[in-house]
Amino acid sequence: MTRELQDVLGGFAQDRDNLIPILQAVQGEYGYLTPETMEGIADYLSISESSLYGVATFYTQFKFSKPGDHNVRVCLGTACHVRGGSRIMDEVSRHLGIQAGETTEDYKFSLERVACFGSCALSPVVVVDKKVYGRMNPKKVKNILKEYE
């Protein structure tokens, strides 16, 4: 176990009740959950790796592959869908050369589809990292992505 991981885990009691907060803290530190960090967490909590993966894979918030530098999330909830969300997703996918759930080869971008951001009045919505972009169209989203390249 690395010193970094020991430092993160050291902030938590060795209690299974801390499993979700530990997973969140480790992902916050590393950007995703590596096989090595999962092994370290399992050892720390004295649980099997299969039990740990069972919990972690249940929640969509946990990632098991390296994310891109910029996370692009496209809303495909009802309001966004009705106002062209799928066209936005198609343009982002075409521009980045990846599908939802993937990361570009250079690890510059990750792409996610989201059910709803709760910003329906701004639909269709795209969020890059933590910045919300509303009333998107294919041309606007392409220009926004260029700003992050």
C-alpha atoms as a PDB file:
ATOM      1  CA  MET A   1       0.000   0.000   0.000  1.00  0.00           C
ATOM      2  CA  THR A   2       1.383   3.404  -0.935  1.00  0.00           C
ATOM      3  CA  ARG A   3       1.987   6.123   1.614  1.00  0.00           C
ATOM      4  CA  GLU A   4      -0.594   8.296  -0.185  1.00  0.00           C
ATOM      5  CA  LEU A   5      -3.280   5.635   0.228  1.00  0.00           C
ATOM      6  CA  GLN A   6      -2.294   5.076   3.847  1.00  0.00           C
ATOM      7  CA  ASP A   7      -2.737   8.799   4.476  1.00  0.00           C
ATOM      8  CA  VAL A   8      -6.226   8.797   2.949  1.00  0.00           C
ATOM      9  CA  LEU A   9      -7.328   5.654   4.779  1.00  0.00           C
ATOM     10  CA  GLY A  10      -5.816   6.865   8.051  1.00  0.00           C
ATOM     11  CA  GLY A  11      -8.508   9.518   8.264  1.00  0.00           C
ATOM     12  CA  PHE A  12     -11.152   6.809   8.733  1.00  0.00           C
ATOM     13  CA  ALA A  13     -11.821   4.225  11.408  1.00  0.00           C
ATOM     14  CA  GLN A  14     -11.387   0.655  10.185  1.00  0.00           C
ATOM     15  CA  ASP A  15     -15.130   0.115  10.125  1.00  0.00           C
ATOM     16  CA  ARG A  16     -17.209  -1.165   7.204  1.00  0.00           C
ATOM     17  CA  ASP A  17     -19.668   1.684   7.892  1.00  0.00           C
ATOM     18  CA  ASN A  18     -16.989   3.975   6.423  1.00  0.00           C
ATOM     19  CA  LEU A  19     -16.865   2.106   3.104  1.00  0.00           C
ATOM     20  CA  ILE A  20     -18.663   4.673   0.926  1.00  0.00           C
ATOM     21  CA  PRO A  21     -16.846   7.701   2.419  1.00  0.00           C
ATOM     22  CA  ILE A  22     -13.539   5.846   1.988  1.00  0.00           C
ATOM     23  CA  LEU A  23     -14.305   5.049  -1.665  1.00  0.00           C
ATOM     24  CA  GLN A  24     -15.237   8.696  -2.224  1.00  0.00           C
ATOM     25  CA  ALA A  25     -12.076   9.966  -0.539  1.00  0.00           C
ATOM     26  CA  VAL A  26      -9.817   7.586  -2.459  1.00  0.00           C
ATOM     27  CA  GLN A  27     -11.468   8.480  -5.764  1.00  0.00           C
ATOM     28  CA  GLY A  28     -11.135  12.151  -4.845  1.00  0.00           C
ATOM     29  CA  GLU A  29      -7.416  11.679  -4.314  1.00  0.00           C
ATOM     30  CA  TYR A  30      -6.661   9.517  -7.375  1.00  0.00           C
ATOM     31  CA  GLY A  31      -9.458  10.516  -9.773  1.00  0.00           C
ATOM     32  CA  TYR A  32     -10.645   6.910  -9.980  1.00  0.00           C
ATOM     33  CA  LEU A  33     -10.416   3.594  -8.148  1.00  0.00           C
ATOM     34  CA  THR A  34      -7.403   1.585  -9.277  1.00  0.00           C
ATOM     35  CA  PRO A  35      -6.997  -2.160  -8.661  1.00  0.00           C
ATOM     36  CA  GLU A  36      -4.221  -1.285  -6.183  1.00  0.00           C
ATOM     37  CA  THR A  37      -6.391   1.143  -4.215  1.00  0.00           C
ATOM     38  CA  MET A  38      -9.262  -1.366  -4.152  1.00  0.00           C
ATOM     39  CA  GLU A  39      -6.901  -4.019  -2.768  1.00  0.00           C
ATOM     40  CA  GLY A  40      -5.657  -1.558  -0.137  1.00  0.00           C
ATOM     41  CA  ILE A  41      -9.194  -0.591   0.907  1.00  0.00           C
ATOM     42  CA  ALA A  42     -10.215  -4.254   1.172  1.00  0.00           C
ATOM     43  CA  ASP A  43      -7.184  -4.993   3.360  1.00  0.00           C
ATOM     44  CA  TYR A  44      -7.786  -1.912   5.511  1.00  0.00           C
ATOM     45  CA  LEU A  45     -11.419  -2.837   6.163  1.00  0.00           C
ATOM     46  CA  SER A  46     -10.765  -6.597   6.312  1.00  0.00           C
ATOM     47  CA  ILE A  47     -13.340  -7.366   3.635  1.00  0.00           C
ATOM     48  CA  SER A  48     -13.003  -9.335   0.427  1.00  0.00           C
ATOM     49  CA  GLU A  49     -12.196  -7.495  -2.777  1.00  0.00           C
ATOM     50  CA  SER A  50     -15.264  -9.067  -4.391  1.00  0.00           C
ATOM     51  CA  SER A  51     -17.498  -7.572  -1.674  1.00  0.00           C
ATOM     52  CA  LEU A  52     -15.794  -4.227  -2.142  1.00  0.00           C
ATOM     53  CA  TYR A  53     -16.279  -4.325  -5.928  1.00  0.00           C
ATOM     54  CA  GLY A  54     -19.891  -5.400  -5.373  1.00  0.00           C
ATOM     55  CA  VAL A  55     -20.568  -2.209  -3.462  1.00  0.00           C
ATOM     56  CA  ALA A  56     -18.458   0.112  -5.622  1.00  0.00           C
ATOM     57  CA  THR A  57     -19.913  -1.085  -8.933  1.00  0.00           C
ATOM     58  CA  PHE A  58     -23.458  -0.579  -7.638  1.00  0.00           C
ATOM     59  CA  TYR A  59     -22.954   3.206  -7.542  1.00  0.00           C
ATOM     60  CA  THR A  60     -22.444   5.129 -10.782  1.00  0.00           C
ATOM     61  CA  GLN A  61     -20.325   7.753  -9.018  1.00  0.00           C
ATOM     62  CA  PHE A  62     -17.354   5.394  -8.809  1.00  0.00           C
ATOM     63  CA  LYS A  63     -14.988   5.152 -11.773  1.00  0.00           C
ATOM     64  CA  PHE A  64     -12.550   2.336 -12.480  1.00  0.00           C
ATOM     65  CA  SER A  65     -10.613   3.820 -15.360  1.00  0.00           C
ATOM     66  CA  LYS A  66      -8.575   6.987 -15.603  1.00  0.00           C
ATOM     67  CA  PRO A  67     -10.810   9.962 -16.404  1.00  0.00           C
ATOM     68  CA  GLY A  68      -9.980  12.722 -18.834  1.00  0.00           C
ATOM     69  CA  ASP A  69      -8.696  16.104 -17.716  1.00  0.00           C
ATOM     70  CA  HIS A  70     -12.115  17.534 -18.601  1.00  0.00           C
ATOM     71  CA  ASN A  71     -15.387  15.791 -17.856  1.00  0.00           C
ATOM     72  CA  VAL A  72     -18.103  16.597 -20.409  1.00  0.00           C
ATOM     73  CA  ARG A  73     -21.616  15.690 -19.306  1.00  0.00           C
ATOM     74  CA  VAL A  74     -24.586  15.988 -21.632  1.00  0.00           C
ATOM     75  CA  CYS A  75     -28.109  16.012 -20.223  1.00  0.00           C
ATOM     76  CA  LEU A  76     -30.577  13.715 -21.924  1.00  0.00           C
ATOM     77  CA  GLY A  77     -33.459  14.195 -19.494  1.00  0.00           C
ATOM     78  CA  THR A  78     -36.936  14.899 -20.847  1.00  0.00           C
ATOM     79  CA  ALA A  79     -36.647  18.677 -21.313  1.00  0.00           C
ATOM     80  CA  CYS A  80     -33.158  18.423 -22.806  1.00  0.00           C
ATOM     81  CA  HIS A  81     -34.156  15.514 -25.029  1.00  0.00           C
ATOM     82  CA  VAL A  82     -37.191  17.376 -26.376  1.00  0.00           C
ATOM     83  CA  ARG A  83     -35.025  20.411 -27.120  1.00  0.00           C
ATOM     84  CA  GLY A  84     -32.296  18.514 -28.970  1.00  0.00           C
ATOM     85  CA  GLY A  85     -30.136  16.891 -26.310  1.00  0.00           C
ATOM     86  CA  SER A  86     -29.468  13.879 -28.504  1.00  0.00           C
ATOM     87  CA  ARG A  87     -28.167  16.151 -31.295  1.00  0.00           C
ATOM     88  CA  ILE A  88     -25.852  17.761 -28.731  1.00  0.00           C
ATOM     89  CA  MET A  89     -24.626  14.343 -27.586  1.00  0.00           C
ATOM     90  CA  ASP A  90     -24.046  13.307 -31.205  1.00  0.00           C
ATOM     91  CA  GLU A  91     -22.002  16.451 -31.882  1.00  0.00           C
ATOM     92  CA  VAL A  92     -19.892  16.073 -28.736  1.00  0.00           C
ATOM     93  CA  SER A  93     -19.312  12.404 -29.524  1.00  0.00           C
ATOM     94  CA  ARG A  94     -18.358  13.196 -33.119  1.00  0.00           C
ATOM     95  CA  HIS A  95     -16.089  16.096 -32.117  1.00  0.00           C
ATOM     96  CA  LEU A  96     -14.244  14.112 -29.423  1.00  0.00           C
ATOM     97  CA  GLY A  97     -14.271  10.803 -31.269  1.00  0.00           C
ATOM     98  CA  ILE A  98     -15.657   8.894 -28.286  1.00  0.00           C
ATOM     99  CA  GLN A  99     -18.996   7.592 -27.031  1.00  0.00           C
ATOM    100  CA  ALA A 100     -20.655   8.212 -23.656  1.00  0.00           C
ATOM    101  CA  GLY A 101     -18.720   6.411 -20.934  1.00  0.00           C
ATOM    102  CA  GLU A 102     -15.403   6.698 -22.770  1.00  0.00           C
ATOM    103  CA  THR A 103     -12.261   8.808 -22.475  1.00  0.00           C
ATOM    104  CA  THR A 104     -10.176  10.157 -25.331  1.00  0.00           C
ATOM    105  CA  GLU A 105      -6.872   8.377 -25.966  1.00  0.00           C
ATOM    106  CA  ASP A 106      -4.926  11.431 -24.809  1.00  0.00           C
ATOM    107  CA  TYR A 107      -6.970  11.565 -21.575  1.00  0.00           C
ATOM    108  CA  LYS A 108      -8.042  15.115 -22.379  1.00  0.00           C
ATOM    109  CA  PHE A 109     -11.821  14.445 -22.244  1.00  0.00           C
ATOM    110  CA  SER A 110     -14.295  12.011 -20.712  1.00  0.00           C
ATOM    111  CA  LEU A 111     -17.898  11.939 -21.929  1.00  0.00           C
ATOM    112  CA  GLU A 112     -20.953  11.079 -19.840  1.00  0.00           C
ATOM    113  CA  ARG A 113     -24.679  11.072 -20.453  1.00  0.00           C
ATOM    114  CA  VAL A 114     -26.748  12.346 -17.536  1.00  0.00           C
ATOM    115  CA  ALA A 115     -30.450  11.789 -16.868  1.00  0.00           C
ATOM    116  CA  CYS A 116     -31.068  15.280 -15.456  1.00  0.00           C
ATOM    117  CA  PHE A 117     -29.159  18.214 -13.985  1.00  0.00           C
ATOM    118  CA  GLY A 118     -32.289  19.955 -12.723  1.00  0.00           C
ATOM    119  CA  SER A 119     -31.644  22.923 -15.019  1.00  0.00           C
ATOM    120  CA  CYS A 120     -34.582  22.291 -17.329  1.00  0.00           C
ATOM    121  CA  ALA A 121     -35.215  25.987 -17.978  1.00  0.00           C
ATOM    122  CA  LEU A 122     -31.766  26.125 -19.618  1.00  0.00           C
ATOM    123  CA  SER A 123     -32.224  23.004 -21.738  1.00  0.00           C
ATOM    124  CA  PRO A 124     -30.450  21.525 -23.493  1.00  0.00           C
ATOM    125  CA  VAL A 125     -27.636  21.585 -20.947  1.00  0.00           C
ATOM    126  CA  VAL A 126     -23.981  20.563 -21.113  1.00  0.00           C
ATOM    127  CA  VAL A 127     -21.648  20.665 -18.107  1.00  0.00           C
ATOM    128  CA  VAL A 128     -17.891  20.758 -18.636  1.00  0.00           C
ATOM    129  CA  ASP A 129     -16.083  20.064 -15.388  1.00  0.00           C
ATOM    130  CA  LYS A 130     -18.262  22.192 -13.082  1.00  0.00           C
ATOM    131  CA  LYS A 131     -19.320  24.891 -15.538  1.00  0.00           C
ATOM    132  CA  VAL A 132     -22.924  24.756 -16.784  1.00  0.00           C
ATOM    133  CA  TYR A 133     -23.727  25.724 -20.364  1.00  0.00           C
ATOM    134  CA  GLY A 134     -27.383  26.198 -21.226  1.00  0.00           C
ATOM    135  CA  ARG A 135     -29.468  26.549 -24.377  1.00  0.00           C
ATOM    136  CA  MET A 136     -26.928  24.525 -26.318  1.00  0.00           C
ATOM    137  CA  ASN A 137     -26.964  23.721 -29.997  1.00  0.00           C
ATOM    138  CA  PRO A 138     -24.419  21.693 -31.990  1.00  0.00           C
ATOM    139  CA  LYS A 139     -22.454  24.763 -33.131  1.00  0.00           C
ATOM    140  CA  LYS A 140     -22.274  26.286 -29.631  1.00  0.00           C
ATOM    141  CA  VAL A 141     -21.146  23.041 -28.020  1.00  0.00           C
ATOM    142  CA  LYS A 142     -18.431  22.560 -30.637  1.00  0.00           C
ATOM    143  CA  ASN A 143     -17.090  26.071 -29.887  1.00  0.00           C
ATOM    144  CA  ILE A 144     -17.165  25.398 -26.145  1.00  0.00           C
ATOM    145  CA  LEU A 145     -15.194  22.185 -26.548  1.00  0.00           C
ATOM    146  CA  LYS A 146     -12.554  24.037 -28.586  1.00  0.00           C
ATOM    147  CA  GLU A 147     -11.998  26.329 -25.585  1.00  0.00           C
ATOM    148  CA  TYR A 148     -10.889  23.306 -23.537  1.00  0.00           C
ATOM    149  CA  GLU A 149      -8.561  21.846 -26.165  1.00  0.00           C
END
